[in-house]
Amino acid sequence: MNKTLLALALIAPLPALALPGLSLEANAFGGGTSIDAAGNGSGDGKGVEYGVRAAAKLGSGLFAEGQYTRLNPEDNAFGDGLNSRIDEFRVGGGYALSLPILPIFTAGVYAHYVTQDVNLGSAGSGNSNGYDLGVLGRFDPLPFIGAYARVGKVESTGFAGYGSDGVDSLIGVDLSLMPFVRLFAEYRYTEALASGAKFDSHGFRGGVKIGL
């Protein structure tokens, strides 16, 4: 709960921090995730996901960003009868620039520090810490609509078997409603190996972006 309040507190004051040369953005989102936790004997599970994130363009192609996501899987996602949750925190930044020959395309690289708190109820809990390094891109064919994507290599270490390594990717589209407000829809795919077992998740979510 304290970490959730901290994430919200980081985003709430963004409008007051608007300074010349800075471009700020705050997001809130929610959706559903399909989970395949290999070896649990219960097949695919589903869960509810929601979160917030904030980003700041610092000039000269540099940016910083942070994100908090909570996933509440249904009881049988990680084992029959388990009341589980996963809290993920990301903070990092990167470098991205419009392509000189085609300005409607933007490409770049990013690096995130990632920490996850995993609670599987009676089956135990643990956490992991690691990184996500990857590439990203954006396509803006018209001023009011755009598409974006990222794909990265995720690696983490932890205790109680919650360390993992794999691929994390995201693709999305956003639509401008007014100069500073955009709606967006995203698909996130994660594939990882944790304690020798394969873990897949497919997430669909939507939300709103407020930019300054």
N, C-alpha and C. Protein backbone atom coordinates (compact mmCIF):
# COMPACT_ATOMS: atom_id res chain seq x y z
N MET A 1 0.82 -1.20 0.00
CA MET A 1 0.00 0.00 0.00
C MET A 1 0.86 1.26 0.00
N ASN A 2 1.94 1.26 0.82
CA ASN A 2 2.79 2.44 0.89
C ASN A 2 3.45 2.72 -0.45
N LYS A 3 3.85 1.65 -1.17
CA LYS A 3 4.48 1.85 -2.48
C LYS A 3 3.48 2.37 -3.49
N THR A 4 2.23 1.92 -3.40
CA THR A 4 1.19 2.43 -4.30
C THR A 4 0.98 3.92 -4.08
N LEU A 5 0.90 4.35 -2.83
CA LEU A 5 0.72 5.78 -2.53
C LEU A 5 1.92 6.58 -2.99
N LEU A 6 3.12 6.00 -2.87
CA LEU A 6 4.31 6.71 -3.32
C LEU A 6 4.28 6.94 -4.83
N ALA A 7 3.86 5.90 -5.58
CA ALA A 7 3.80 6.04 -7.04
C ALA A 7 2.80 7.12 -7.44
N LEU A 8 1.63 7.15 -6.77
CA LEU A 8 0.64 8.17 -7.06
C LEU A 8 1.15 9.56 -6.69
N ALA A 9 1.88 9.63 -5.59
CA ALA A 9 2.41 10.93 -5.16
C ALA A 9 3.43 11.47 -6.14
N LEU A 10 4.17 10.59 -6.80
CA LEU A 10 5.15 11.04 -7.78
C LEU A 10 4.51 11.63 -9.01
N ILE A 11 3.32 11.13 -9.37
CA ILE A 11 2.66 11.59 -10.58
C ILE A 11 1.78 12.80 -10.32
N ALA A 12 1.15 12.89 -9.18
CA ALA A 12 0.19 13.95 -8.90
C ALA A 12 0.73 15.35 -9.13
N PRO A 13 1.99 15.67 -8.73
CA PRO A 13 2.44 17.05 -8.87
C PRO A 13 3.01 17.39 -10.23
N LEU A 14 2.91 16.52 -11.23
CA LEU A 14 3.52 16.79 -12.53
C LEU A 14 3.10 18.13 -13.14
N PRO A 15 1.80 18.50 -13.15
CA PRO A 15 1.43 19.77 -13.75
C PRO A 15 2.16 20.96 -13.12
N ALA A 16 2.41 20.90 -11.82
CA ALA A 16 3.07 22.01 -11.15
C ALA A 16 4.55 22.08 -11.49
N LEU A 17 5.13 20.98 -12.04
CA LEU A 17 6.54 20.95 -12.33
C LEU A 17 6.87 21.36 -13.75
N ALA A 18 5.86 21.73 -14.52
CA ALA A 18 6.10 22.08 -15.93
C ALA A 18 7.03 23.29 -16.02
N LEU A 19 8.18 23.10 -16.64
CA LEU A 19 9.18 24.15 -16.79
C LEU A 19 9.55 24.28 -18.25
N PRO A 20 10.05 25.45 -18.66
CA PRO A 20 10.48 25.60 -20.05
C PRO A 20 11.52 24.55 -20.41
N GLY A 21 11.34 23.93 -21.57
CA GLY A 21 12.28 22.92 -22.03
C GLY A 21 11.93 21.51 -21.60
N LEU A 22 10.98 21.33 -20.70
CA LEU A 22 10.54 20.01 -20.25
C LEU A 22 9.21 19.65 -20.89
N SER A 23 9.06 18.37 -21.23
CA SER A 23 7.78 17.84 -21.70
C SER A 23 7.40 16.70 -20.77
N LEU A 24 6.27 16.83 -20.08
CA LEU A 24 5.87 15.88 -19.06
C LEU A 24 4.61 15.13 -19.48
N GLU A 25 4.49 13.89 -19.00
CA GLU A 25 3.33 13.08 -19.32
C GLU A 25 3.01 12.16 -18.15
N ALA A 26 1.72 12.06 -17.80
CA ALA A 26 1.25 11.14 -16.76
C ALA A 26 0.20 10.22 -17.36
N ASN A 27 0.26 8.92 -17.02
CA ASN A 27 -0.65 7.90 -17.55
C ASN A 27 -1.30 7.14 -16.41
N ALA A 28 -2.54 6.72 -16.63
CA ALA A 28 -3.22 5.76 -15.76
C ALA A 28 -3.87 4.71 -16.66
N PHE A 29 -3.80 3.43 -16.26
CA PHE A 29 -4.30 2.37 -17.15
C PHE A 29 -4.84 1.20 -16.34
N GLY A 30 -5.59 0.37 -17.04
CA GLY A 30 -6.12 -0.86 -16.46
C GLY A 30 -6.49 -1.84 -17.55
N GLY A 31 -6.58 -3.12 -17.20
CA GLY A 31 -6.92 -4.12 -18.20
C GLY A 31 -6.87 -5.52 -17.64
N GLY A 32 -6.76 -6.48 -18.55
CA GLY A 32 -6.73 -7.89 -18.18
C GLY A 32 -5.50 -8.57 -18.72
N THR A 33 -5.04 -9.61 -18.01
CA THR A 33 -3.84 -10.35 -18.40
C THR A 33 -4.14 -11.84 -18.36
N SER A 34 -3.69 -12.55 -19.40
CA SER A 34 -3.76 -14.00 -19.46
C SER A 34 -2.41 -14.57 -19.04
N ILE A 35 -2.41 -15.53 -18.13
CA ILE A 35 -1.18 -16.03 -17.53
C ILE A 35 -1.05 -17.53 -17.78
N ASP A 36 0.13 -17.94 -18.24
CA ASP A 36 0.46 -19.35 -18.36
C ASP A 36 1.66 -19.62 -17.47
N ALA A 37 1.41 -20.06 -16.27
CA ALA A 37 2.48 -20.41 -15.32
C ALA A 37 2.76 -21.90 -15.49
N ALA A 38 3.77 -22.23 -16.28
CA ALA A 38 4.03 -23.62 -16.65
C ALA A 38 4.25 -24.49 -15.43
N GLY A 39 3.66 -25.67 -15.50
CA GLY A 39 3.88 -26.65 -14.44
C GLY A 39 2.93 -26.56 -13.28
N ASN A 40 1.95 -25.65 -13.32
CA ASN A 40 1.05 -25.55 -12.17
C ASN A 40 -0.15 -26.49 -12.26
N GLY A 41 -0.33 -27.12 -13.43
CA GLY A 41 -1.39 -28.10 -13.56
C GLY A 41 -2.78 -27.54 -13.71
N SER A 42 -2.89 -26.20 -13.84
CA SER A 42 -4.24 -25.61 -13.90
C SER A 42 -4.49 -24.88 -15.21
N GLY A 43 -3.57 -24.98 -16.17
CA GLY A 43 -3.76 -24.30 -17.44
C GLY A 43 -3.64 -22.81 -17.32
N ASP A 44 -4.16 -22.11 -18.32
CA ASP A 44 -4.08 -20.65 -18.33
C ASP A 44 -4.95 -20.04 -17.25
N GLY A 45 -4.47 -18.98 -16.65
CA GLY A 45 -5.25 -18.19 -15.71
C GLY A 45 -5.38 -16.78 -16.22
N LYS A 46 -6.19 -15.99 -15.55
CA LYS A 46 -6.39 -14.60 -15.94
C LYS A 46 -6.24 -13.72 -14.72
N GLY A 47 -6.04 -12.45 -14.97
CA GLY A 47 -5.90 -11.52 -13.87
C GLY A 47 -6.26 -10.11 -14.28
N VAL A 48 -6.46 -9.26 -13.29
CA VAL A 48 -6.75 -7.85 -13.49
C VAL A 48 -5.48 -7.06 -13.22
N GLU A 49 -5.17 -6.13 -14.13
CA GLU A 49 -3.95 -5.34 -14.03
C GLU A 49 -4.30 -3.86 -14.07
N TYR A 50 -3.63 -3.06 -13.27
CA TYR A 50 -3.81 -1.61 -13.31
C TYR A 50 -2.53 -0.94 -12.85
N GLY A 51 -2.37 0.34 -13.20
CA GLY A 51 -1.14 1.02 -12.82
C GLY A 51 -1.10 2.47 -13.26
N VAL A 52 0.04 3.09 -12.96
CA VAL A 52 0.29 4.48 -13.33
C VAL A 52 1.73 4.58 -13.82
N ARG A 53 2.00 5.56 -14.66
CA ARG A 53 3.37 5.83 -15.06
C ARG A 53 3.53 7.30 -15.40
N ALA A 54 4.77 7.75 -15.36
CA ALA A 54 5.08 9.14 -15.66
C ALA A 54 6.36 9.19 -16.49
N ALA A 55 6.45 10.18 -17.37
CA ALA A 55 7.63 10.33 -18.21
C ALA A 55 7.95 11.81 -18.38
N ALA A 56 9.22 12.10 -18.57
CA ALA A 56 9.67 13.47 -18.79
C ALA A 56 10.71 13.47 -19.90
N LYS A 57 10.45 14.26 -20.95
CA LYS A 57 11.44 14.49 -21.99
C LYS A 57 12.34 15.63 -21.53
N LEU A 58 13.63 15.37 -21.45
CA LEU A 58 14.58 16.29 -20.84
C LEU A 58 15.30 17.17 -21.84
N GLY A 59 15.05 16.93 -23.13
CA GLY A 59 15.73 17.68 -24.17
C GLY A 59 16.89 16.90 -24.76
N SER A 60 17.24 17.21 -26.00
CA SER A 60 18.34 16.55 -26.73
C SER A 60 18.14 15.05 -26.85
N GLY A 61 16.87 14.60 -26.87
CA GLY A 61 16.58 13.19 -27.04
C GLY A 61 16.56 12.37 -25.76
N LEU A 62 16.93 12.95 -24.64
CA LEU A 62 16.96 12.22 -23.37
C LEU A 62 15.58 12.21 -22.71
N PHE A 63 15.26 11.12 -22.02
CA PHE A 63 14.00 11.05 -21.29
C PHE A 63 14.18 10.21 -20.03
N ALA A 64 13.31 10.45 -19.06
CA ALA A 64 13.25 9.67 -17.83
C ALA A 64 11.82 9.21 -17.62
N GLU A 65 11.64 8.04 -16.99
CA GLU A 65 10.29 7.53 -16.78
C GLU A 65 10.23 6.58 -15.60
N GLY A 66 9.03 6.42 -15.06
CA GLY A 66 8.80 5.49 -13.98
C GLY A 66 7.41 4.89 -14.11
N GLN A 67 7.20 3.69 -13.56
CA GLN A 67 5.92 3.02 -13.69
C GLN A 67 5.68 2.09 -12.50
N TYR A 68 4.41 2.04 -12.06
CA TYR A 68 3.97 1.06 -11.07
C TYR A 68 2.80 0.28 -11.67
N THR A 69 2.86 -1.05 -11.57
CA THR A 69 1.79 -1.92 -12.07
C THR A 69 1.46 -2.96 -11.01
N ARG A 70 0.17 -3.19 -10.78
CA ARG A 70 -0.26 -4.29 -9.91
C ARG A 70 -1.05 -5.29 -10.75
N LEU A 71 -0.71 -6.55 -10.60
CA LEU A 71 -1.44 -7.65 -11.24
C LEU A 71 -2.06 -8.51 -10.14
N ASN A 72 -3.37 -8.66 -10.21
CA ASN A 72 -4.10 -9.54 -9.29
C ASN A 72 -4.61 -10.74 -10.07
N PRO A 73 -3.85 -11.84 -10.10
CA PRO A 73 -4.31 -13.02 -10.84
C PRO A 73 -5.50 -13.67 -10.14
N GLU A 74 -6.30 -14.39 -10.92
CA GLU A 74 -7.39 -15.16 -10.32
C GLU A 74 -6.79 -16.30 -9.50
N ASP A 75 -7.61 -16.95 -8.69
CA ASP A 75 -7.11 -17.91 -7.71
C ASP A 75 -6.26 -19.02 -8.29
N ASN A 76 -6.59 -19.49 -9.51
CA ASN A 76 -5.89 -20.67 -10.01
C ASN A 76 -4.73 -20.34 -10.96
N ALA A 77 -4.33 -19.07 -11.06
CA ALA A 77 -3.27 -18.71 -12.00
C ALA A 77 -1.93 -19.32 -11.59
N PHE A 78 -1.63 -19.36 -10.30
CA PHE A 78 -0.37 -19.91 -9.83
C PHE A 78 -0.57 -21.14 -8.95
N GLY A 79 -1.75 -21.68 -8.95
CA GLY A 79 -2.04 -22.86 -8.13
C GLY A 79 -3.43 -22.74 -7.56
N ASP A 80 -4.13 -23.82 -7.49
CA ASP A 80 -5.53 -23.80 -7.07
C ASP A 80 -5.68 -23.19 -5.67
N GLY A 81 -6.58 -22.24 -5.56
CA GLY A 81 -6.91 -21.68 -4.27
C GLY A 81 -5.97 -20.62 -3.75
N LEU A 82 -4.98 -20.16 -4.54
CA LEU A 82 -4.03 -19.17 -4.06
C LEU A 82 -4.54 -17.77 -4.33
N ASN A 83 -4.44 -16.93 -3.33
CA ASN A 83 -4.78 -15.52 -3.46
C ASN A 83 -3.48 -14.77 -3.69
N SER A 84 -3.18 -14.42 -4.94
CA SER A 84 -1.86 -13.91 -5.29
C SER A 84 -1.92 -12.50 -5.86
N ARG A 85 -0.77 -11.84 -5.83
CA ARG A 85 -0.62 -10.53 -6.44
C ARG A 85 0.83 -10.32 -6.81
N ILE A 86 1.07 -9.46 -7.82
CA ILE A 86 2.42 -9.09 -8.23
C ILE A 86 2.47 -7.57 -8.38
N ASP A 87 3.36 -6.93 -7.65
CA ASP A 87 3.58 -5.50 -7.77
C ASP A 87 4.91 -5.27 -8.49
N GLU A 88 4.86 -4.51 -9.59
CA GLU A 88 6.07 -4.23 -10.36
C GLU A 88 6.35 -2.73 -10.38
N PHE A 89 7.61 -2.38 -10.12
CA PHE A 89 8.06 -0.99 -10.16
C PHE A 89 9.19 -0.88 -11.17
N ARG A 90 9.09 0.15 -12.03
CA ARG A 90 10.14 0.41 -13.01
C ARG A 90 10.57 1.87 -12.91
N VAL A 91 11.86 2.11 -13.04
CA VAL A 91 12.37 3.47 -13.13
C VAL A 91 13.59 3.44 -14.05
N GLY A 92 13.71 4.45 -14.90
CA GLY A 92 14.83 4.46 -15.83
C GLY A 92 14.72 5.61 -16.81
N GLY A 93 15.27 5.39 -17.98
CA GLY A 93 15.26 6.43 -19.00
C GLY A 93 15.88 5.91 -20.27
N GLY A 94 16.21 6.85 -21.15
CA GLY A 94 16.78 6.45 -22.42
C GLY A 94 17.04 7.63 -23.33
N TYR A 95 17.18 7.29 -24.61
CA TYR A 95 17.52 8.28 -25.62
C TYR A 95 16.74 7.94 -26.88
N ALA A 96 16.01 8.91 -27.43
CA ALA A 96 15.21 8.69 -28.64
C ALA A 96 15.18 9.96 -29.47
N LEU A 97 15.28 9.80 -30.79
CA LEU A 97 15.25 10.94 -31.70
C LEU A 97 14.44 10.59 -32.94
N SER A 98 13.84 11.61 -33.54
CA SER A 98 13.16 11.44 -34.82
C SER A 98 14.19 11.17 -35.90
N LEU A 99 13.83 10.29 -36.84
CA LEU A 99 14.75 9.97 -37.93
C LEU A 99 14.83 11.15 -38.89
N PRO A 100 16.03 11.62 -39.23
CA PRO A 100 16.17 12.80 -40.07
C PRO A 100 15.48 12.69 -41.43
N ILE A 101 15.52 11.49 -42.03
CA ILE A 101 14.94 11.33 -43.36
C ILE A 101 13.43 11.12 -43.32
N LEU A 102 12.88 10.79 -42.15
CA LEU A 102 11.46 10.54 -42.03
C LEU A 102 11.02 10.92 -40.61
N PRO A 103 10.73 12.21 -40.38
CA PRO A 103 10.49 12.70 -39.02
C PRO A 103 9.29 12.08 -38.30
N ILE A 104 8.37 11.45 -39.05
CA ILE A 104 7.22 10.84 -38.36
C ILE A 104 7.61 9.55 -37.63
N PHE A 105 8.85 9.08 -37.81
CA PHE A 105 9.37 7.93 -37.09
C PHE A 105 10.35 8.37 -36.02
N THR A 106 10.21 7.79 -34.83
CA THR A 106 11.15 8.03 -33.74
C THR A 106 11.71 6.68 -33.30
N ALA A 107 13.02 6.63 -33.05
CA ALA A 107 13.66 5.39 -32.61
C ALA A 107 14.61 5.70 -31.47
N GLY A 108 14.81 4.71 -30.59
CA GLY A 108 15.71 4.95 -29.47
C GLY A 108 16.00 3.69 -28.68
N VAL A 109 16.65 3.90 -27.54
CA VAL A 109 17.01 2.82 -26.63
C VAL A 109 16.56 3.21 -25.22
N TYR A 110 16.37 2.21 -24.36
CA TYR A 110 15.95 2.50 -23.00
C TYR A 110 16.60 1.51 -22.03
N ALA A 111 16.64 1.89 -20.76
CA ALA A 111 17.11 1.01 -19.69
C ALA A 111 16.23 1.25 -18.47
N HIS A 112 15.69 0.17 -17.91
CA HIS A 112 14.84 0.25 -16.72
C HIS A 112 15.42 -0.61 -15.60
N TYR A 113 15.40 -0.08 -14.40
CA TYR A 113 15.60 -0.91 -13.22
C TYR A 113 14.21 -1.44 -12.84
N VAL A 114 14.10 -2.74 -12.64
CA VAL A 114 12.80 -3.39 -12.40
C VAL A 114 12.85 -4.15 -11.09
N THR A 115 11.86 -3.94 -10.25
CA THR A 115 11.73 -4.72 -9.04
C THR A 115 10.30 -5.24 -8.95
N GLN A 116 10.14 -6.48 -8.53
CA GLN A 116 8.83 -7.11 -8.39
C GLN A 116 8.66 -7.68 -6.99
N ASP A 117 7.52 -7.40 -6.38
CA ASP A 117 7.12 -8.02 -5.13
C ASP A 117 6.03 -9.04 -5.46
N VAL A 118 6.29 -10.31 -5.16
CA VAL A 118 5.36 -11.39 -5.50
C VAL A 118 4.82 -11.99 -4.21
N ASN A 119 3.49 -12.06 -4.11
CA ASN A 119 2.84 -12.64 -2.95
C ASN A 119 1.90 -13.73 -3.42
N LEU A 120 2.19 -14.96 -3.09
CA LEU A 120 1.36 -16.10 -3.49
C LEU A 120 0.55 -16.64 -2.32
N GLY A 121 0.23 -15.77 -1.37
CA GLY A 121 -0.60 -16.17 -0.25
C GLY A 121 0.05 -17.26 0.57
N SER A 122 -0.66 -18.35 0.78
CA SER A 122 -0.16 -19.43 1.62
C SER A 122 1.04 -20.15 1.02
N ALA A 123 1.29 -19.96 -0.29
CA ALA A 123 2.42 -20.62 -0.95
C ALA A 123 3.73 -19.85 -0.74
N GLY A 124 3.66 -18.67 -0.13
CA GLY A 124 4.87 -17.90 0.14
C GLY A 124 4.95 -16.63 -0.68
N SER A 125 6.01 -15.88 -0.46
CA SER A 125 6.21 -14.61 -1.15
C SER A 125 7.70 -14.39 -1.37
N GLY A 126 8.01 -13.42 -2.19
CA GLY A 126 9.40 -13.10 -2.47
C GLY A 126 9.49 -11.85 -3.33
N ASN A 127 10.70 -11.47 -3.67
CA ASN A 127 10.88 -10.34 -4.57
C ASN A 127 12.07 -10.58 -5.47
N SER A 128 12.13 -9.82 -6.54
CA SER A 128 13.25 -9.91 -7.47
C SER A 128 13.62 -8.50 -7.91
N ASN A 129 14.88 -8.34 -8.27
CA ASN A 129 15.40 -7.06 -8.75
C ASN A 129 16.25 -7.31 -9.97
N GLY A 130 16.12 -6.44 -10.96
CA GLY A 130 16.90 -6.64 -12.17
C GLY A 130 16.77 -5.47 -13.12
N TYR A 131 16.86 -5.76 -14.40
CA TYR A 131 16.87 -4.71 -15.40
C TYR A 131 16.11 -5.14 -16.65
N ASP A 132 15.74 -4.16 -17.44
CA ASP A 132 15.13 -4.36 -18.75
C ASP A 132 15.84 -3.40 -19.70
N LEU A 133 16.59 -3.94 -20.66
CA LEU A 133 17.34 -3.15 -21.65
C LEU A 133 16.77 -3.44 -23.02
N GLY A 134 16.46 -2.38 -23.80
CA GLY A 134 15.88 -2.65 -25.10
C GLY A 134 15.84 -1.47 -26.04
N VAL A 135 15.06 -1.65 -27.09
CA VAL A 135 14.89 -0.63 -28.13
C VAL A 135 13.42 -0.24 -28.18
N LEU A 136 13.16 0.94 -28.71
CA LEU A 136 11.79 1.43 -28.80
C LEU A 136 11.61 2.24 -30.08
N GLY A 137 10.36 2.44 -30.46
CA GLY A 137 10.06 3.23 -31.64
C GLY A 137 8.66 3.81 -31.57
N ARG A 138 8.43 4.83 -32.36
CA ARG A 138 7.11 5.47 -32.44
C ARG A 138 6.87 5.93 -33.86
N PHE A 139 5.60 5.84 -34.29
CA PHE A 139 5.18 6.24 -35.64
C PHE A 139 3.98 7.15 -35.50
N ASP A 140 4.08 8.38 -36.02
CA ASP A 140 3.01 9.37 -35.93
C ASP A 140 2.58 9.80 -37.34
N PRO A 141 1.71 9.01 -37.99
CA PRO A 141 1.32 9.34 -39.36
C PRO A 141 0.48 10.62 -39.44
N LEU A 142 -0.28 10.93 -38.36
CA LEU A 142 -1.12 12.11 -38.30
C LEU A 142 -0.98 12.74 -36.92
N PRO A 143 -1.25 14.04 -36.78
CA PRO A 143 -1.07 14.69 -35.48
C PRO A 143 -1.92 14.10 -34.36
N PHE A 144 -3.05 13.50 -34.68
CA PHE A 144 -3.97 13.04 -33.65
C PHE A 144 -3.89 11.55 -33.36
N ILE A 145 -3.05 10.79 -34.06
CA ILE A 145 -2.95 9.36 -33.83
C ILE A 145 -1.51 8.90 -33.97
N GLY A 146 -1.12 7.93 -33.15
CA GLY A 146 0.23 7.41 -33.20
C GLY A 146 0.30 5.97 -32.74
N ALA A 147 1.39 5.30 -33.08
CA ALA A 147 1.64 3.93 -32.65
C ALA A 147 3.05 3.85 -32.08
N TYR A 148 3.24 2.96 -31.11
CA TYR A 148 4.55 2.87 -30.47
C TYR A 148 4.81 1.43 -30.04
N ALA A 149 6.07 1.11 -29.82
CA ALA A 149 6.44 -0.25 -29.43
C ALA A 149 7.79 -0.22 -28.72
N ARG A 150 8.01 -1.23 -27.91
CA ARG A 150 9.32 -1.46 -27.31
C ARG A 150 9.52 -2.95 -27.13
N VAL A 151 10.77 -3.40 -27.13
CA VAL A 151 11.09 -4.79 -26.84
C VAL A 151 12.43 -4.81 -26.13
N GLY A 152 12.50 -5.60 -25.06
CA GLY A 152 13.72 -5.59 -24.28
C GLY A 152 14.05 -6.94 -23.67
N LYS A 153 15.28 -7.04 -23.23
CA LYS A 153 15.79 -8.21 -22.52
C LYS A 153 15.66 -7.95 -21.02
N VAL A 154 14.94 -8.84 -20.33
CA VAL A 154 14.71 -8.71 -18.90
C VAL A 154 15.52 -9.78 -18.17
N GLU A 155 16.20 -9.36 -17.12
CA GLU A 155 16.91 -10.31 -16.27
C GLU A 155 16.81 -9.84 -14.83
N SER A 156 16.49 -10.76 -13.93
CA SER A 156 16.34 -10.39 -12.52
C SER A 156 16.83 -11.51 -11.63
N THR A 157 17.17 -11.15 -10.41
CA THR A 157 17.58 -12.12 -9.40
C THR A 157 16.76 -11.87 -8.15
N GLY A 158 16.51 -12.91 -7.39
CA GLY A 158 15.73 -12.75 -6.17
C GLY A 158 15.88 -13.96 -5.30
N PHE A 159 14.92 -14.13 -4.39
CA PHE A 159 14.95 -15.31 -3.54
C PHE A 159 13.63 -16.06 -3.69
N ALA A 160 13.58 -17.26 -3.15
CA ALA A 160 12.39 -18.12 -3.22
C ALA A 160 12.00 -18.47 -4.65
N GLY A 161 12.99 -18.42 -5.58
CA GLY A 161 12.73 -18.85 -6.95
C GLY A 161 12.06 -17.83 -7.83
N TYR A 162 12.03 -16.55 -7.45
CA TYR A 162 11.33 -15.57 -8.25
C TYR A 162 12.23 -14.80 -9.21
N GLY A 163 13.51 -15.12 -9.26
CA GLY A 163 14.37 -14.53 -10.27
C GLY A 163 14.04 -15.10 -11.64
N SER A 164 14.26 -14.33 -12.71
CA SER A 164 13.91 -14.82 -14.04
C SER A 164 14.71 -14.06 -15.09
N ASP A 165 14.69 -14.59 -16.30
CA ASP A 165 15.23 -13.86 -17.45
C ASP A 165 14.40 -14.20 -18.67
N GLY A 166 14.26 -13.20 -19.57
CA GLY A 166 13.43 -13.42 -20.74
C GLY A 166 13.26 -12.16 -21.55
N VAL A 167 12.09 -12.04 -22.19
CA VAL A 167 11.79 -10.93 -23.09
C VAL A 167 10.51 -10.24 -22.62
N ASP A 168 10.53 -8.92 -22.64
CA ASP A 168 9.35 -8.14 -22.33
C ASP A 168 9.10 -7.18 -23.48
N SER A 169 7.89 -7.17 -24.01
CA SER A 169 7.58 -6.32 -25.17
C SER A 169 6.23 -5.65 -25.01
N LEU A 170 6.05 -4.55 -25.70
CA LEU A 170 4.80 -3.80 -25.62
C LEU A 170 4.57 -3.09 -26.95
N ILE A 171 3.30 -3.05 -27.38
CA ILE A 171 2.91 -2.31 -28.57
C ILE A 171 1.60 -1.59 -28.27
N GLY A 172 1.46 -0.37 -28.75
CA GLY A 172 0.26 0.39 -28.43
C GLY A 172 -0.08 1.44 -29.47
N VAL A 173 -1.29 1.98 -29.35
CA VAL A 173 -1.74 3.09 -30.19
C VAL A 173 -2.38 4.12 -29.28
N ASP A 174 -2.27 5.40 -29.66
CA ASP A 174 -2.95 6.45 -28.89
C ASP A 174 -3.65 7.42 -29.81
N LEU A 175 -4.69 8.03 -29.28
CA LEU A 175 -5.56 8.91 -30.06
C LEU A 175 -5.79 10.19 -29.27
N SER A 176 -5.56 11.32 -29.91
CA SER A 176 -5.71 12.61 -29.23
C SER A 176 -7.18 13.03 -29.18
N LEU A 177 -7.65 13.37 -27.97
CA LEU A 177 -8.99 13.90 -27.80
C LEU A 177 -8.99 15.42 -27.78
N MET A 178 -7.93 15.99 -27.25
CA MET A 178 -7.72 17.43 -27.15
C MET A 178 -6.22 17.65 -27.03
N PRO A 179 -5.74 18.88 -27.06
CA PRO A 179 -4.29 19.10 -27.13
C PRO A 179 -3.46 18.36 -26.09
N PHE A 180 -3.97 18.16 -24.87
CA PHE A 180 -3.15 17.58 -23.82
C PHE A 180 -3.66 16.23 -23.31
N VAL A 181 -4.67 15.69 -23.94
CA VAL A 181 -5.27 14.43 -23.47
C VAL A 181 -5.34 13.43 -24.63
N ARG A 182 -4.84 12.21 -24.35
CA ARG A 182 -4.88 11.15 -25.34
C ARG A 182 -5.38 9.86 -24.68
N LEU A 183 -6.19 9.10 -25.42
CA LEU A 183 -6.56 7.76 -25.02
C LEU A 183 -5.59 6.77 -25.64
N PHE A 184 -5.33 5.65 -24.96
CA PHE A 184 -4.41 4.67 -25.53
C PHE A 184 -4.86 3.25 -25.21
N ALA A 185 -4.42 2.34 -26.07
CA ALA A 185 -4.64 0.91 -25.88
C ALA A 185 -3.32 0.20 -26.13
N GLU A 186 -3.00 -0.81 -25.30
CA GLU A 186 -1.71 -1.48 -25.38
C GLU A 186 -1.86 -3.00 -25.26
N TYR A 187 -0.89 -3.68 -25.84
CA TYR A 187 -0.73 -5.13 -25.65
C TYR A 187 0.69 -5.37 -25.14
N ARG A 188 0.81 -6.11 -24.05
CA ARG A 188 2.12 -6.43 -23.48
C ARG A 188 2.31 -7.94 -23.44
N TYR A 189 3.47 -8.38 -23.92
CA TYR A 189 3.80 -9.81 -23.89
C TYR A 189 5.10 -10.01 -23.12
N THR A 190 5.08 -10.94 -22.19
CA THR A 190 6.28 -11.27 -21.42
C THR A 190 6.51 -12.77 -21.48
N GLU A 191 7.75 -13.14 -21.76
CA GLU A 191 8.15 -14.55 -21.74
C GLU A 191 9.40 -14.65 -20.89
N ALA A 192 9.38 -15.49 -19.88
CA ALA A 192 10.52 -15.59 -18.97
C ALA A 192 10.69 -17.01 -18.48
N LEU A 193 11.92 -17.31 -18.06
CA LEU A 193 12.23 -18.56 -17.39
C LEU A 193 12.49 -18.25 -15.92
N ALA A 194 11.74 -18.88 -15.04
CA ALA A 194 11.91 -18.69 -13.59
C ALA A 194 12.06 -20.05 -12.94
N SER A 195 13.18 -20.28 -12.30
CA SER A 195 13.46 -21.56 -11.64
C SER A 195 13.30 -22.73 -12.60
N GLY A 196 13.72 -22.53 -13.86
CA GLY A 196 13.68 -23.59 -14.84
C GLY A 196 12.34 -23.79 -15.52
N ALA A 197 11.32 -23.03 -15.12
CA ALA A 197 9.99 -23.16 -15.72
C ALA A 197 9.68 -21.93 -16.57
N LYS A 198 8.97 -22.16 -17.66
CA LYS A 198 8.61 -21.07 -18.56
C LYS A 198 7.35 -20.37 -18.07
N PHE A 199 7.36 -19.05 -18.16
CA PHE A 199 6.23 -18.23 -17.73
C PHE A 199 5.89 -17.27 -18.87
N ASP A 200 4.63 -17.27 -19.29
CA ASP A 200 4.15 -16.37 -20.34
C ASP A 200 2.98 -15.54 -19.82
N SER A 201 2.91 -14.29 -20.26
CA SER A 201 1.72 -13.49 -19.95
C SER A 201 1.39 -12.61 -21.14
N HIS A 202 0.09 -12.45 -21.39
CA HIS A 202 -0.43 -11.60 -22.46
C HIS A 202 -1.38 -10.59 -21.82
N GLY A 203 -1.05 -9.32 -21.91
CA GLY A 203 -1.87 -8.30 -21.26
C GLY A 203 -2.45 -7.30 -22.23
N PHE A 204 -3.73 -7.00 -22.07
CA PHE A 204 -4.41 -5.96 -22.85
C PHE A 204 -4.90 -4.90 -21.88
N ARG A 205 -4.57 -3.65 -22.16
CA ARG A 205 -4.97 -2.59 -21.25
C ARG A 205 -5.22 -1.30 -22.00
N GLY A 206 -5.99 -0.43 -21.38
CA GLY A 206 -6.29 0.88 -21.96
C GLY A 206 -6.22 1.92 -20.88
N GLY A 207 -6.09 3.19 -21.31
CA GLY A 207 -5.99 4.24 -20.32
C GLY A 207 -5.98 5.62 -20.94
N VAL A 208 -5.56 6.58 -20.16
CA VAL A 208 -5.53 7.97 -20.58
C VAL A 208 -4.15 8.57 -20.29
N LYS A 209 -3.68 9.42 -21.19
CA LYS A 209 -2.43 10.14 -21.03
C LYS A 209 -2.72 11.63 -20.92
N ILE A 210 -2.07 12.29 -20.00
CA ILE A 210 -2.16 13.74 -19.86
C ILE A 210 -0.76 14.29 -20.03
N GLY A 211 -0.56 15.14 -21.03
CA GLY A 211 0.75 15.68 -21.32
C GLY A 211 0.81 17.19 -21.17
N LEU A 212 1.99 17.67 -20.90
CA LEU A 212 2.23 19.11 -20.76
C LEU A 212 3.42 19.51 -21.63
